[in-house]
PDB file of N, CA and C in Angstrom:
ATOM      1  N   MET A   1     -23.671  60.492  93.364  1.00  0.00           N
ATOM      2  CA  MET A   1     -22.801  60.986  92.295  1.00  0.00           C
ATOM      3  C   MET A   1     -22.111  59.811  91.614  1.00  0.00           C
ATOM      4  N   ARG A   2     -22.006  59.925  90.325  1.00  0.00           N
ATOM      5  CA  ARG A   2     -21.226  58.960  89.554  1.00  0.00           C
ATOM      6  C   ARG A   2     -19.911  59.635  89.208  1.00  0.00           C
ATOM      7  N   GLU A   3     -18.807  58.993  89.528  1.00  0.00           N
ATOM      8  CA  GLU A   3     -17.491  59.622  89.383  1.00  0.00           C
ATOM      9  C   GLU A   3     -16.583  58.748  88.541  1.00  0.00           C
ATOM     10  N   GLY A   4     -15.717  59.414  87.753  1.00  0.00           N
ATOM     11  CA  GLY A   4     -14.764  58.699  86.922  1.00  0.00           C
ATOM     12  C   GLY A   4     -13.840  59.683  86.232  1.00  0.00           C
ATOM     13  N   ARG A   5     -13.511  59.374  84.990  1.00  0.00           N
ATOM     14  CA  ARG A   5     -12.646  60.250  84.193  1.00  0.00           C
ATOM     15  C   ARG A   5     -13.282  60.443  82.829  1.00  0.00           C
ATOM     16  N   LEU A   6     -12.968  61.561  82.205  1.00  0.00           N
ATOM     17  CA  LEU A   6     -13.459  61.798  80.858  1.00  0.00           C
ATOM     18  C   LEU A   6     -12.662  60.966  79.867  1.00  0.00           C
ATOM     19  N   GLY A   7     -13.330  60.490  78.858  1.00  0.00           N
ATOM     20  CA  GLY A   7     -12.696  59.734  77.791  1.00  0.00           C
ATOM     21  C   GLY A   7     -13.420  60.025  76.487  1.00  0.00           C
ATOM     22  N   TYR A   8     -12.692  59.988  75.384  1.00  0.00           N
ATOM     23  CA  TYR A   8     -13.291  60.274  74.078  1.00  0.00           C
ATOM     24  C   TYR A   8     -13.941  59.011  73.525  1.00  0.00           C
ATOM     25  N   ASN A   9     -15.199  59.106  73.153  1.00  0.00           N
ATOM     26  CA  ASN A   9     -15.948  57.986  72.596  1.00  0.00           C
ATOM     27  C   ASN A   9     -15.961  58.121  71.075  1.00  0.00           C
ATOM     28  N   CYS A  10     -15.182  57.299  70.401  1.00  0.00           N
ATOM     29  CA  CYS A  10     -15.089  57.337  68.932  1.00  0.00           C
ATOM     30  C   CYS A  10     -16.399  56.964  68.254  1.00  0.00           C
ATOM     31  N   GLU A  11     -17.251  56.222  68.936  1.00  0.00           N
ATOM     32  CA  GLU A  11     -18.532  55.802  68.363  1.00  0.00           C
ATOM     33  C   GLU A  11     -19.454  56.989  68.071  1.00  0.00           C
ATOM     34  N   ASN A  12     -19.436  58.002  68.949  1.00  0.00           N
ATOM     35  CA  ASN A  12     -20.352  59.138  68.762  1.00  0.00           C
ATOM     36  C   ASN A  12     -19.638  60.492  68.664  1.00  0.00           C
ATOM     37  N   GLY A  13     -18.294  60.499  68.735  1.00  0.00           N
ATOM     38  CA  GLY A  13     -17.530  61.731  68.584  1.00  0.00           C
ATOM     39  C   GLY A  13     -17.682  62.693  69.761  1.00  0.00           C
ATOM     40  N   ARG A  14     -17.952  62.150  70.948  1.00  0.00           N
ATOM     41  CA  ARG A  14     -18.148  62.982  72.140  1.00  0.00           C
ATOM     42  C   ARG A  14     -17.307  62.455  73.298  1.00  0.00           C
ATOM     43  N   TYR A  15     -17.084  63.334  74.271  1.00  0.00           N
ATOM     44  CA  TYR A  15     -16.466  62.902  75.513  1.00  0.00           C
ATOM     45  C   TYR A  15     -17.547  62.341  76.423  1.00  0.00           C
ATOM     46  N   GLY A  16     -17.231  61.234  77.080  1.00  0.00           N
ATOM     47  CA  GLY A  16     -18.135  60.618  78.037  1.00  0.00           C
ATOM     48  C   GLY A  16     -17.411  60.383  79.344  1.00  0.00           C
ATOM     49  N   LEU A  17     -18.098  59.753  80.271  1.00  0.00           N
ATOM     50  CA  LEU A  17     -17.539  59.483  81.592  1.00  0.00           C
ATOM     51  C   LEU A  17     -17.271  57.990  81.730  1.00  0.00           C
ATOM     52  N   LEU A  18     -16.032  57.664  82.095  1.00  0.00           N
ATOM     53  CA  LEU A  18     -15.609  56.276  82.254  1.00  0.00           C
ATOM     54  C   LEU A  18     -15.297  55.970  83.708  1.00  0.00           C
ATOM     55  N   SER A  19     -15.637  54.762  84.133  1.00  0.00           N
ATOM     56  CA  SER A  19     -15.184  54.221  85.401  1.00  0.00           C
ATOM     57  C   SER A  19     -14.404  52.976  85.034  1.00  0.00           C
ATOM     58  N   MET A  20     -13.113  52.996  85.329  1.00  0.00           N
ATOM     59  CA  MET A  20     -12.203  51.961  84.836  1.00  0.00           C
ATOM     60  C   MET A  20     -12.283  52.034  83.302  1.00  0.00           C
ATOM     61  N   ASP A  21     -12.725  50.971  82.648  1.00  0.00           N
ATOM     62  CA  ASP A  21     -12.878  50.993  81.190  1.00  0.00           C
ATOM     63  C   ASP A  21     -14.332  50.867  80.760  1.00  0.00           C
ATOM     64  N   LEU A  22     -15.254  51.127  81.684  1.00  0.00           N
ATOM     65  CA  LEU A  22     -16.676  50.998  81.379  1.00  0.00           C
ATOM     66  C   LEU A  22     -17.332  52.368  81.311  1.00  0.00           C
ATOM     67  N   TRP A  23     -18.194  52.568  80.318  1.00  0.00           N
ATOM     68  CA  TRP A  23     -18.887  53.841  80.169  1.00  0.00           C
ATOM     69  C   TRP A  23     -19.962  53.990  81.241  1.00  0.00           C
ATOM     70  N   ILE A  24     -19.911  55.103  81.974  1.00  0.00           N
ATOM     71  CA  ILE A  24     -20.989  55.499  82.877  1.00  0.00           C
ATOM     72  C   ILE A  24     -21.962  56.358  82.082  1.00  0.00           C
ATOM     73  N   ASP A  25     -21.419  57.242  81.261  1.00  0.00           N
ATOM     74  CA  ASP A  25     -22.186  58.098  80.345  1.00  0.00           C
ATOM     75  C   ASP A  25     -21.427  58.068  79.032  1.00  0.00           C
ATOM     76  N   THR A  26     -22.085  57.674  77.953  1.00  0.00           N
ATOM     77  CA  THR A  26     -21.386  57.471  76.678  1.00  0.00           C
ATOM     78  C   THR A  26     -21.049  58.744  75.923  1.00  0.00           C
ATOM     79  N   GLY A  27     -21.621  59.882  76.325  1.00  0.00           N
ATOM     80  CA  GLY A  27     -21.270  61.110  75.626  1.00  0.00           C
ATOM     81  C   GLY A  27     -22.046  62.312  76.109  1.00  0.00           C
ATOM     82  N   PHE A  28     -21.325  63.375  76.458  1.00  0.00           N
ATOM     83  CA  PHE A  28     -21.941  64.624  76.896  1.00  0.00           C
ATOM     84  C   PHE A  28     -22.269  65.499  75.692  1.00  0.00           C
ATOM     85  N   HIS A  29     -23.328  66.245  75.798  1.00  0.00           N
ATOM     86  CA  HIS A  29     -23.722  67.218  74.782  1.00  0.00           C
ATOM     87  C   HIS A  29     -23.337  68.612  75.277  1.00  0.00           C
ATOM     88  N   CYS A  30     -23.206  69.564  74.365  1.00  0.00           N
ATOM     89  CA  CYS A  30     -22.905  70.944  74.756  1.00  0.00           C
ATOM     90  C   CYS A  30     -23.923  71.412  75.800  1.00  0.00           C
ATOM     91  N   GLY A  31     -23.406  72.052  76.832  1.00  0.00           N
ATOM     92  CA  GLY A  31     -24.258  72.598  77.876  1.00  0.00           C
ATOM     93  C   GLY A  31     -24.544  71.653  79.021  1.00  0.00           C
ATOM     94  N   GLU A  32     -24.170  70.380  78.885  1.00  0.00           N
ATOM     95  CA  GLU A  32     -24.423  69.443  79.983  1.00  0.00           C
ATOM     96  C   GLU A  32     -23.516  69.750  81.166  1.00  0.00           C
ATOM     97  N   CYS A  33     -24.103  69.752  82.350  1.00  0.00           N
ATOM     98  CA  CYS A  33     -23.380  70.121  83.567  1.00  0.00           C
ATOM     99  C   CYS A  33     -22.719  68.913  84.216  1.00  0.00           C
ATOM    100  N   MET A  34     -21.611  69.198  84.886  1.00  0.00           N
ATOM    101  CA  MET A  34     -20.854  68.195  85.626  1.00  0.00           C
ATOM    102  C   MET A  34     -19.940  68.932  86.591  1.00  0.00           C
ATOM    103  N   GLU A  35     -19.186  68.207  87.357  1.00  0.00           N
ATOM    104  CA  GLU A  35     -18.146  68.774  88.196  1.00  0.00           C
ATOM    105  C   GLU A  35     -16.835  68.117  87.801  1.00  0.00           C
ATOM    106  N   VAL A  36     -15.746  68.905  87.799  1.00  0.00           N
ATOM    107  CA  VAL A  36     -14.424  68.370  87.498  1.00  0.00           C
ATOM    108  C   VAL A  36     -13.460  68.772  88.599  1.00  0.00           C
ATOM    109  N   LEU A  37     -12.423  67.985  88.751  1.00  0.00           N
ATOM    110  CA  LEU A  37     -11.428  68.233  89.784  1.00  0.00           C
ATOM    111  C   LEU A  37     -10.367  69.182  89.245  1.00  0.00           C
ATOM    112  N   VAL A  38     -10.251  70.350  89.889  1.00  0.00           N
ATOM    113  CA  VAL A  38      -9.250  71.351  89.523  1.00  0.00           C
ATOM    114  C   VAL A  38      -8.498  71.723  90.802  1.00  0.00           C
ATOM    115  N   ASP A  39      -7.201  71.461  90.832  1.00  0.00           N
ATOM    116  CA  ASP A  39      -6.381  71.761  92.016  1.00  0.00           C
ATOM    117  C   ASP A  39      -7.008  71.203  93.293  1.00  0.00           C
ATOM    118  N   ASP A  40      -7.409  69.940  93.239  1.00  0.00           N
ATOM    119  CA  ASP A  40      -7.981  69.229  94.393  1.00  0.00           C
ATOM    120  C   ASP A  40      -9.312  69.787  94.882  1.00  0.00           C
ATOM    121  N   GLN A  41     -10.015  70.536  94.039  1.00  0.00           N
ATOM    122  CA  GLN A  41     -11.347  71.035  94.390  1.00  0.00           C
ATOM    123  C   GLN A  41     -12.314  70.716  93.253  1.00  0.00           C
ATOM    124  N   TRP A  42     -13.544  70.320  93.630  1.00  0.00           N
ATOM    125  CA  TRP A  42     -14.566  70.056  92.629  1.00  0.00           C
ATOM    126  C   TRP A  42     -15.180  71.378  92.180  1.00  0.00           C
ATOM    127  N   VAL A  43     -15.177  71.599  90.866  1.00  0.00           N
ATOM    128  CA  VAL A  43     -15.666  72.836  90.267  1.00  0.00           C
ATOM    129  C   VAL A  43     -16.838  72.508  89.347  1.00  0.00           C
ATOM    130  N   LYS A  44     -17.956  73.212  89.510  1.00  0.00           N
ATOM    131  CA  LYS A  44     -19.100  73.027  88.611  1.00  0.00           C
ATOM    132  C   LYS A  44     -18.774  73.627  87.256  1.00  0.00           C
ATOM    133  N   THR A  45     -19.107  72.906  86.203  1.00  0.00           N
ATOM    134  CA  THR A  45     -18.786  73.343  84.848  1.00  0.00           C
ATOM    135  C   THR A  45     -19.795  72.740  83.872  1.00  0.00           C
ATOM    136  N   ARG A  46     -19.620  73.074  82.621  1.00  0.00           N
ATOM    137  CA  ARG A  46     -20.389  72.447  81.547  1.00  0.00           C
ATOM    138  C   ARG A  46     -19.477  72.319  80.333  1.00  0.00           C
ATOM    139  N   MET A  47     -19.776  71.379  79.490  1.00  0.00           N
ATOM    140  CA  MET A  47     -18.959  71.131  78.310  1.00  0.00           C
ATOM    141  C   MET A  47     -19.497  71.956  77.144  1.00  0.00           C
ATOM    142  N   GLU A  48     -18.586  72.594  76.413  1.00  0.00           N
ATOM    143  CA  GLU A  48     -18.929  73.397  75.230  1.00  0.00           C
ATOM    144  C   GLU A  48     -17.884  73.146  74.157  1.00  0.00           C
ATOM    145  N   MET A  49     -18.146  73.653  72.956  1.00  0.00           N
ATOM    146  CA  MET A  49     -17.184  73.562  71.853  1.00  0.00           C
ATOM    147  C   MET A  49     -16.915  74.965  71.342  1.00  0.00           C
ATOM    148  N   ASN A  50     -15.619  75.306  71.154  1.00  0.00           N
ATOM    149  CA  ASN A  50     -15.265  76.647  70.682  1.00  0.00           C
ATOM    150  C   ASN A  50     -15.265  76.707  69.149  1.00  0.00           C
ATOM    151  N   LEU A  51     -14.944  77.869  68.604  1.00  0.00           N
ATOM    152  CA  LEU A  51     -14.966  78.052  67.145  1.00  0.00           C
ATOM    153  C   LEU A  51     -13.946  77.186  66.421  1.00  0.00           C
ATOM    154  N   ALA A  52     -12.878  76.800  67.130  1.00  0.00           N
ATOM    155  CA  ALA A  52     -11.862  75.920  66.549  1.00  0.00           C
ATOM    156  C   ALA A  52     -12.288  74.445  66.635  1.00  0.00           C
ATOM    157  N   ARG A  53     -13.536  74.207  67.072  1.00  0.00           N
ATOM    158  CA  ARG A  53     -14.103  72.870  67.234  1.00  0.00           C
ATOM    159  C   ARG A  53     -13.350  72.034  68.258  1.00  0.00           C
ATOM    160  N   GLU A  54     -12.890  72.698  69.336  1.00  0.00           N
ATOM    161  CA  GLU A  54     -12.256  72.017  70.458  1.00  0.00           C
ATOM    162  C   GLU A  54     -13.238  72.003  71.626  1.00  0.00           C
ATOM    163  N   TRP A  55     -13.340  70.852  72.295  1.00  0.00           N
ATOM    164  CA  TRP A  55     -14.158  70.780  73.488  1.00  0.00           C
ATOM    165  C   TRP A  55     -13.448  71.514  74.617  1.00  0.00           C
ATOM    166  N   TYR A  56     -14.207  72.196  75.451  1.00  0.00           N
ATOM    167  CA  TYR A  56     -13.628  72.833  76.639  1.00  0.00           C
ATOM    168  C   TYR A  56     -14.634  72.805  77.775  1.00  0.00           C
ATOM    169  N   LEU A  57     -14.132  72.989  79.000  1.00  0.00           N
ATOM    170  CA  LEU A  57     -14.955  72.993  80.197  1.00  0.00           C
ATOM    171  C   LEU A  57     -14.994  74.417  80.740  1.00  0.00           C
ATOM    172  N   VAL A  58     -16.155  75.030  80.727  1.00  0.00           N
ATOM    173  CA  VAL A  58     -16.354  76.433  81.097  1.00  0.00           C
ATOM    174  C   VAL A  58     -15.857  76.688  82.521  1.00  0.00           C
ATOM    175  N   GLY A  59     -15.067  77.769  82.690  1.00  0.00           N
ATOM    176  CA  GLY A  59     -14.587  78.169  84.003  1.00  0.00           C
ATOM    177  C   GLY A  59     -13.437  77.340  84.537  1.00  0.00           C
ATOM    178  N   THR A  60     -12.832  76.517  83.672  1.00  0.00           N
ATOM    179  CA  THR A  60     -11.681  75.697  84.068  1.00  0.00           C
ATOM    180  C   THR A  60     -10.559  75.920  83.052  1.00  0.00           C
ATOM    181  N   PRO A  61      -9.351  75.444  83.361  1.00  0.00           N
ATOM    182  CA  PRO A  61      -8.265  75.561  82.386  1.00  0.00           C
ATOM    183  C   PRO A  61      -8.297  74.477  81.308  1.00  0.00           C
ATOM    184  N   TYR A  62      -9.293  73.591  81.331  1.00  0.00           N
ATOM    185  CA  TYR A  62      -9.320  72.450  80.430  1.00  0.00           C
ATOM    186  C   TYR A  62      -9.924  72.793  79.069  1.00  0.00           C
ATOM    187  N   CYS A  63      -9.123  72.538  78.008  1.00  0.00           N
ATOM    188  CA  CYS A  63      -9.560  72.783  76.631  1.00  0.00           C
ATOM    189  C   CYS A  63      -8.800  71.839  75.712  1.00  0.00           C
ATOM    190  N   GLY A  64      -9.467  71.363  74.678  1.00  0.00           N
ATOM    191  CA  GLY A  64      -8.802  70.475  73.719  1.00  0.00           C
ATOM    192  C   GLY A  64      -8.888  69.030  74.156  1.00  0.00           C
ATOM    193  N   ASP A  65      -7.748  68.438  74.492  1.00  0.00           N
ATOM    194  CA  ASP A  65      -7.696  67.041  74.923  1.00  0.00           C
ATOM    195  C   ASP A  65      -8.148  66.943  76.374  1.00  0.00           C
ATOM    196  N   LEU A  66      -9.326  66.399  76.588  1.00  0.00           N
ATOM    197  CA  LEU A  66      -9.899  66.305  77.930  1.00  0.00           C
ATOM    198  C   LEU A  66      -9.756  64.906  78.531  1.00  0.00           C
ATOM    199  N   GLU A  67      -9.022  64.026  77.847  1.00  0.00           N
ATOM    200  CA  GLU A  67      -8.828  62.672  78.359  1.00  0.00           C
ATOM    201  C   GLU A  67      -8.253  62.719  79.765  1.00  0.00           C
ATOM    202  N   TYR A  68      -8.769  61.884  80.622  1.00  0.00           N
ATOM    203  CA  TYR A  68      -8.280  61.676  81.985  1.00  0.00           C
ATOM    204  C   TYR A  68      -8.620  62.771  82.973  1.00  0.00           C
ATOM    205  N   VAL A  69      -9.410  63.770  82.590  1.00  0.00           N
ATOM    206  CA  VAL A  69      -9.873  64.776  83.553  1.00  0.00           C
ATOM    207  C   VAL A  69     -10.844  64.065  84.499  1.00  0.00           C
ATOM    208  N   ARG A  70     -10.620  64.188  85.802  1.00  0.00           N
ATOM    209  CA  ARG A  70     -11.524  63.595  86.797  1.00  0.00           C
ATOM    210  C   ARG A  70     -12.834  64.362  86.785  1.00  0.00           C
ATOM    211  N   ALA A  71     -13.945  63.640  86.721  1.00  0.00           N
ATOM    212  CA  ALA A  71     -15.259  64.282  86.626  1.00  0.00           C
ATOM    213  C   ALA A  71     -16.295  63.475  87.401  1.00  0.00           C
ATOM    214  N   ARG A  72     -17.388  64.166  87.730  1.00  0.00           N
ATOM    215  CA  ARG A  72     -18.509  63.474  88.362  1.00  0.00           C
ATOM    216  C   ARG A  72     -19.808  64.137  87.932  1.00  0.00           C
ATOM    217  N   ILE A  73     -20.860  63.319  87.923  1.00  0.00           N
ATOM    218  CA  ILE A  73     -22.179  63.790  87.547  1.00  0.00           C
ATOM    219  C   ILE A  73     -23.187  63.263  88.572  1.00  0.00           C
ATOM    220  N   PRO A  74     -24.294  64.017  88.809  1.00  0.00           N
ATOM    221  CA  PRO A  74     -25.300  63.524  89.730  1.00  0.00           C
ATOM    222  C   PRO A  74     -26.023  62.313  89.150  1.00  0.00           C
ATOM    223  N   GLU A  75     -26.569  61.489  90.008  1.00  0.00           N
ATOM    224  CA  GLU A  75     -27.305  60.295  89.555  1.00  0.00           C
ATOM    225  C   GLU A  75     -28.664  60.668  89.032  1.00  0.00           C
TER     226      GLU A  75
END
């Protein structure tokens, strides 16, 4: 698993996965699966965009500003 935090990539207008300040994944597309930390538990989710053009993580409380959400993806 590759683990880090979500960060907004201005180069491509998408959220990606960062470790420290280095990109592990430069940008997720709608429907891409990952796990995020919610209340100290890893929850499987996917990234989507709502009608208001806000990114959100399905099945989690995360919507809008996703900066610093702990996330991990399989290798």
